[in-house]
């Protein structure tokens, strides 16, 4: 599976989980919903920004160089 798809799946599951907690705890006020939205989106955005692809291996580098020729 592509790493970008994995990251999006993890972030989506986290946001849905936080939304579920908000609904289960009975949050109905706009301020409470904003707090839960920030709680869900700020760490998720940091995860997307900071979770980098693994470094390219020597074998992958050689294969890329061979494929270009």
N, C-alpha and C. Protein backbone atom coordinates (compact mmCIF):
# COMPACT_ATOMS: atom_id res chain seq x y z
N UNK A 1 0.85 -1.18 0.00
CA UNK A 1 0.00 0.00 0.00
C UNK A 1 0.89 1.24 0.00
N UNK A 2 0.50 2.21 -0.75
CA UNK A 2 1.25 3.45 -0.86
C UNK A 2 1.25 4.17 0.50
N UNK A 3 2.38 4.77 0.87
CA UNK A 3 2.50 5.43 2.17
C UNK A 3 1.50 6.58 2.31
N UNK A 4 1.23 7.31 1.24
CA UNK A 4 0.26 8.40 1.32
C UNK A 4 -1.13 7.89 1.66
N UNK A 5 -1.51 6.73 1.11
CA UNK A 5 -2.80 6.14 1.43
C UNK A 5 -2.85 5.69 2.89
N UNK A 6 -1.74 5.15 3.38
CA UNK A 6 -1.67 4.73 4.78
C UNK A 6 -1.82 5.95 5.69
N UNK A 7 -1.13 7.03 5.37
CA UNK A 7 -1.22 8.24 6.19
C UNK A 7 -2.65 8.78 6.20
N UNK A 8 -3.28 8.85 5.05
CA UNK A 8 -4.64 9.36 4.98
C UNK A 8 -5.62 8.45 5.73
N UNK A 9 -5.40 7.14 5.67
CA UNK A 9 -6.25 6.21 6.40
C UNK A 9 -6.11 6.39 7.90
N UNK A 10 -4.88 6.54 8.38
CA UNK A 10 -4.65 6.74 9.81
C UNK A 10 -5.26 8.06 10.27
N UNK A 11 -5.09 9.12 9.51
CA UNK A 11 -5.65 10.42 9.87
C UNK A 11 -7.17 10.37 9.86
N UNK A 12 -7.76 9.75 8.85
CA UNK A 12 -9.22 9.65 8.78
C UNK A 12 -9.77 8.86 9.97
N UNK A 13 -9.11 7.76 10.32
CA UNK A 13 -9.55 6.96 11.47
C UNK A 13 -9.45 7.77 12.76
N UNK A 14 -8.40 8.56 12.91
CA UNK A 14 -8.23 9.39 14.11
C UNK A 14 -9.33 10.45 14.20
N UNK A 15 -9.60 11.13 13.08
CA UNK A 15 -10.62 12.18 13.08
C UNK A 15 -12.00 11.58 13.37
N UNK A 16 -12.30 10.44 12.77
CA UNK A 16 -13.59 9.78 13.03
C UNK A 16 -13.67 9.33 14.48
N UNK A 17 -12.56 8.84 15.03
CA UNK A 17 -12.54 8.45 16.44
C UNK A 17 -12.80 9.62 17.37
N UNK A 18 -12.18 10.75 17.10
CA UNK A 18 -12.40 11.94 17.94
C UNK A 18 -13.84 12.43 17.78
N UNK A 19 -14.39 12.37 16.56
CA UNK A 19 -15.79 12.75 16.36
C UNK A 19 -16.72 11.82 17.13
N UNK A 20 -16.39 10.54 17.16
CA UNK A 20 -17.18 9.59 17.92
C UNK A 20 -17.15 9.88 19.41
N UNK A 21 -15.99 10.25 19.91
CA UNK A 21 -15.88 10.63 21.33
C UNK A 21 -16.71 11.88 21.61
N UNK A 22 -16.69 12.83 20.69
CA UNK A 22 -17.48 14.06 20.88
C UNK A 22 -18.97 13.75 20.93
N UNK A 23 -19.43 12.90 20.03
CA UNK A 23 -20.85 12.55 20.00
C UNK A 23 -21.22 11.75 21.25
N UNK A 24 -20.36 10.80 21.63
CA UNK A 24 -20.64 9.96 22.80
C UNK A 24 -20.65 10.76 24.09
N UNK A 25 -19.86 11.81 24.14
CA UNK A 25 -19.82 12.60 25.37
C UNK A 25 -20.92 13.65 25.42
N UNK A 26 -21.69 13.76 24.35
CA UNK A 26 -22.84 14.65 24.35
C UNK A 26 -22.52 16.11 24.11
N UNK A 27 -21.47 16.40 23.38
CA UNK A 27 -21.12 17.79 23.08
C UNK A 27 -22.11 18.34 22.07
N UNK A 28 -22.75 19.44 22.42
CA UNK A 28 -23.72 20.06 21.51
C UNK A 28 -23.45 21.54 21.28
N UNK A 29 -22.66 22.16 22.14
CA UNK A 29 -22.42 23.60 21.98
C UNK A 29 -21.42 23.85 20.86
N UNK A 30 -21.55 24.97 20.17
CA UNK A 30 -20.60 25.29 19.10
C UNK A 30 -19.15 25.38 19.60
N UNK A 31 -18.95 25.92 20.79
CA UNK A 31 -17.59 26.03 21.32
C UNK A 31 -17.00 24.64 21.57
N UNK A 32 -17.81 23.75 22.09
CA UNK A 32 -17.34 22.39 22.33
C UNK A 32 -17.00 21.66 21.05
N UNK A 33 -17.81 21.87 20.03
CA UNK A 33 -17.53 21.25 18.74
C UNK A 33 -16.25 21.79 18.12
N UNK A 34 -16.00 23.09 18.30
CA UNK A 34 -14.76 23.69 17.79
C UNK A 34 -13.55 23.11 18.51
N UNK A 35 -13.66 22.93 19.81
CA UNK A 35 -12.56 22.33 20.57
C UNK A 35 -12.28 20.91 20.09
N UNK A 36 -13.32 20.12 19.90
CA UNK A 36 -13.11 18.76 19.42
C UNK A 36 -12.57 18.76 17.99
N UNK A 37 -13.00 19.68 17.15
CA UNK A 37 -12.48 19.76 15.78
C UNK A 37 -10.99 20.10 15.79
N UNK A 38 -10.60 21.04 16.65
CA UNK A 38 -9.18 21.39 16.76
C UNK A 38 -8.39 20.22 17.31
N UNK A 39 -8.97 19.52 18.27
CA UNK A 39 -8.30 18.35 18.85
C UNK A 39 -8.08 17.29 17.78
N UNK A 40 -9.00 17.17 16.86
CA UNK A 40 -8.87 16.16 15.82
C UNK A 40 -7.95 16.61 14.69
N UNK A 41 -8.01 17.87 14.31
CA UNK A 41 -7.31 18.31 13.10
C UNK A 41 -5.86 18.73 13.33
N UNK A 42 -5.54 19.32 14.46
CA UNK A 42 -4.16 19.76 14.69
C UNK A 42 -3.16 18.60 14.74
N UNK A 43 -3.39 17.59 15.56
CA UNK A 43 -2.44 16.47 15.54
C UNK A 43 -2.43 15.73 14.20
N UNK A 44 -3.59 15.64 13.55
CA UNK A 44 -3.65 14.96 12.26
C UNK A 44 -2.83 15.72 11.21
N UNK A 45 -2.91 17.03 11.22
CA UNK A 45 -2.10 17.82 10.29
C UNK A 45 -0.62 17.68 10.56
N UNK A 46 -0.25 17.65 11.84
CA UNK A 46 1.16 17.45 12.19
C UNK A 46 1.63 16.07 11.74
N UNK A 47 0.77 15.07 11.89
CA UNK A 47 1.14 13.72 11.46
C UNK A 47 1.39 13.68 9.96
N UNK A 48 0.51 14.30 9.19
CA UNK A 48 0.71 14.32 7.74
C UNK A 48 1.98 15.06 7.34
N UNK A 49 2.29 16.13 8.05
CA UNK A 49 3.47 16.93 7.70
C UNK A 49 4.78 16.27 8.14
N UNK A 50 4.76 15.58 9.26
CA UNK A 50 6.02 15.08 9.83
C UNK A 50 6.32 13.62 9.49
N UNK A 51 5.35 12.86 9.00
CA UNK A 51 5.56 11.46 8.68
C UNK A 51 6.15 11.38 7.28
N UNK A 52 7.45 11.19 7.19
CA UNK A 52 8.16 11.21 5.91
C UNK A 52 8.25 9.82 5.31
N UNK A 53 8.44 9.79 4.00
CA UNK A 53 8.68 8.53 3.32
C UNK A 53 10.03 7.97 3.77
N UNK A 54 10.19 6.65 3.78
CA UNK A 54 11.49 6.08 4.14
C UNK A 54 12.54 6.45 3.09
N UNK A 55 13.77 6.48 3.53
CA UNK A 55 14.86 6.81 2.61
C UNK A 55 14.99 5.74 1.53
N UNK A 56 15.41 6.17 0.36
CA UNK A 56 15.58 5.24 -0.74
C UNK A 56 16.78 4.34 -0.47
N UNK A 57 16.61 3.04 -0.75
CA UNK A 57 17.70 2.09 -0.53
C UNK A 57 18.67 2.14 -1.70
N UNK A 58 19.83 1.56 -1.50
CA UNK A 58 20.84 1.52 -2.56
C UNK A 58 20.31 0.73 -3.76
N UNK A 59 19.61 -0.36 -3.50
CA UNK A 59 19.05 -1.16 -4.57
C UNK A 59 18.05 -0.36 -5.40
N UNK A 60 17.20 0.41 -4.75
CA UNK A 60 16.23 1.24 -5.47
C UNK A 60 16.94 2.30 -6.30
N UNK A 61 18.00 2.88 -5.77
CA UNK A 61 18.76 3.88 -6.51
C UNK A 61 19.37 3.28 -7.77
N UNK A 62 19.95 2.10 -7.65
CA UNK A 62 20.55 1.43 -8.80
C UNK A 62 19.49 1.09 -9.84
N UNK A 63 18.31 0.61 -9.39
CA UNK A 63 17.24 0.28 -10.32
C UNK A 63 16.74 1.53 -11.04
N UNK A 64 16.65 2.64 -10.34
CA UNK A 64 16.20 3.88 -10.98
C UNK A 64 17.21 4.36 -12.01
N UNK A 65 18.49 4.25 -11.70
CA UNK A 65 19.52 4.67 -12.63
C UNK A 65 19.52 3.77 -13.88
N UNK A 66 19.30 2.47 -13.67
CA UNK A 66 19.27 1.54 -14.79
C UNK A 66 18.05 1.78 -15.67
N UNK A 67 16.92 2.11 -15.06
CA UNK A 67 15.69 2.34 -15.81
C UNK A 67 15.75 3.61 -16.64
N UNK A 68 16.53 4.58 -16.23
CA UNK A 68 16.64 5.84 -16.97
C UNK A 68 17.43 5.70 -18.26
N UNK A 69 18.29 4.71 -18.33
CA UNK A 69 19.15 4.56 -19.51
C UNK A 69 18.46 3.94 -20.65
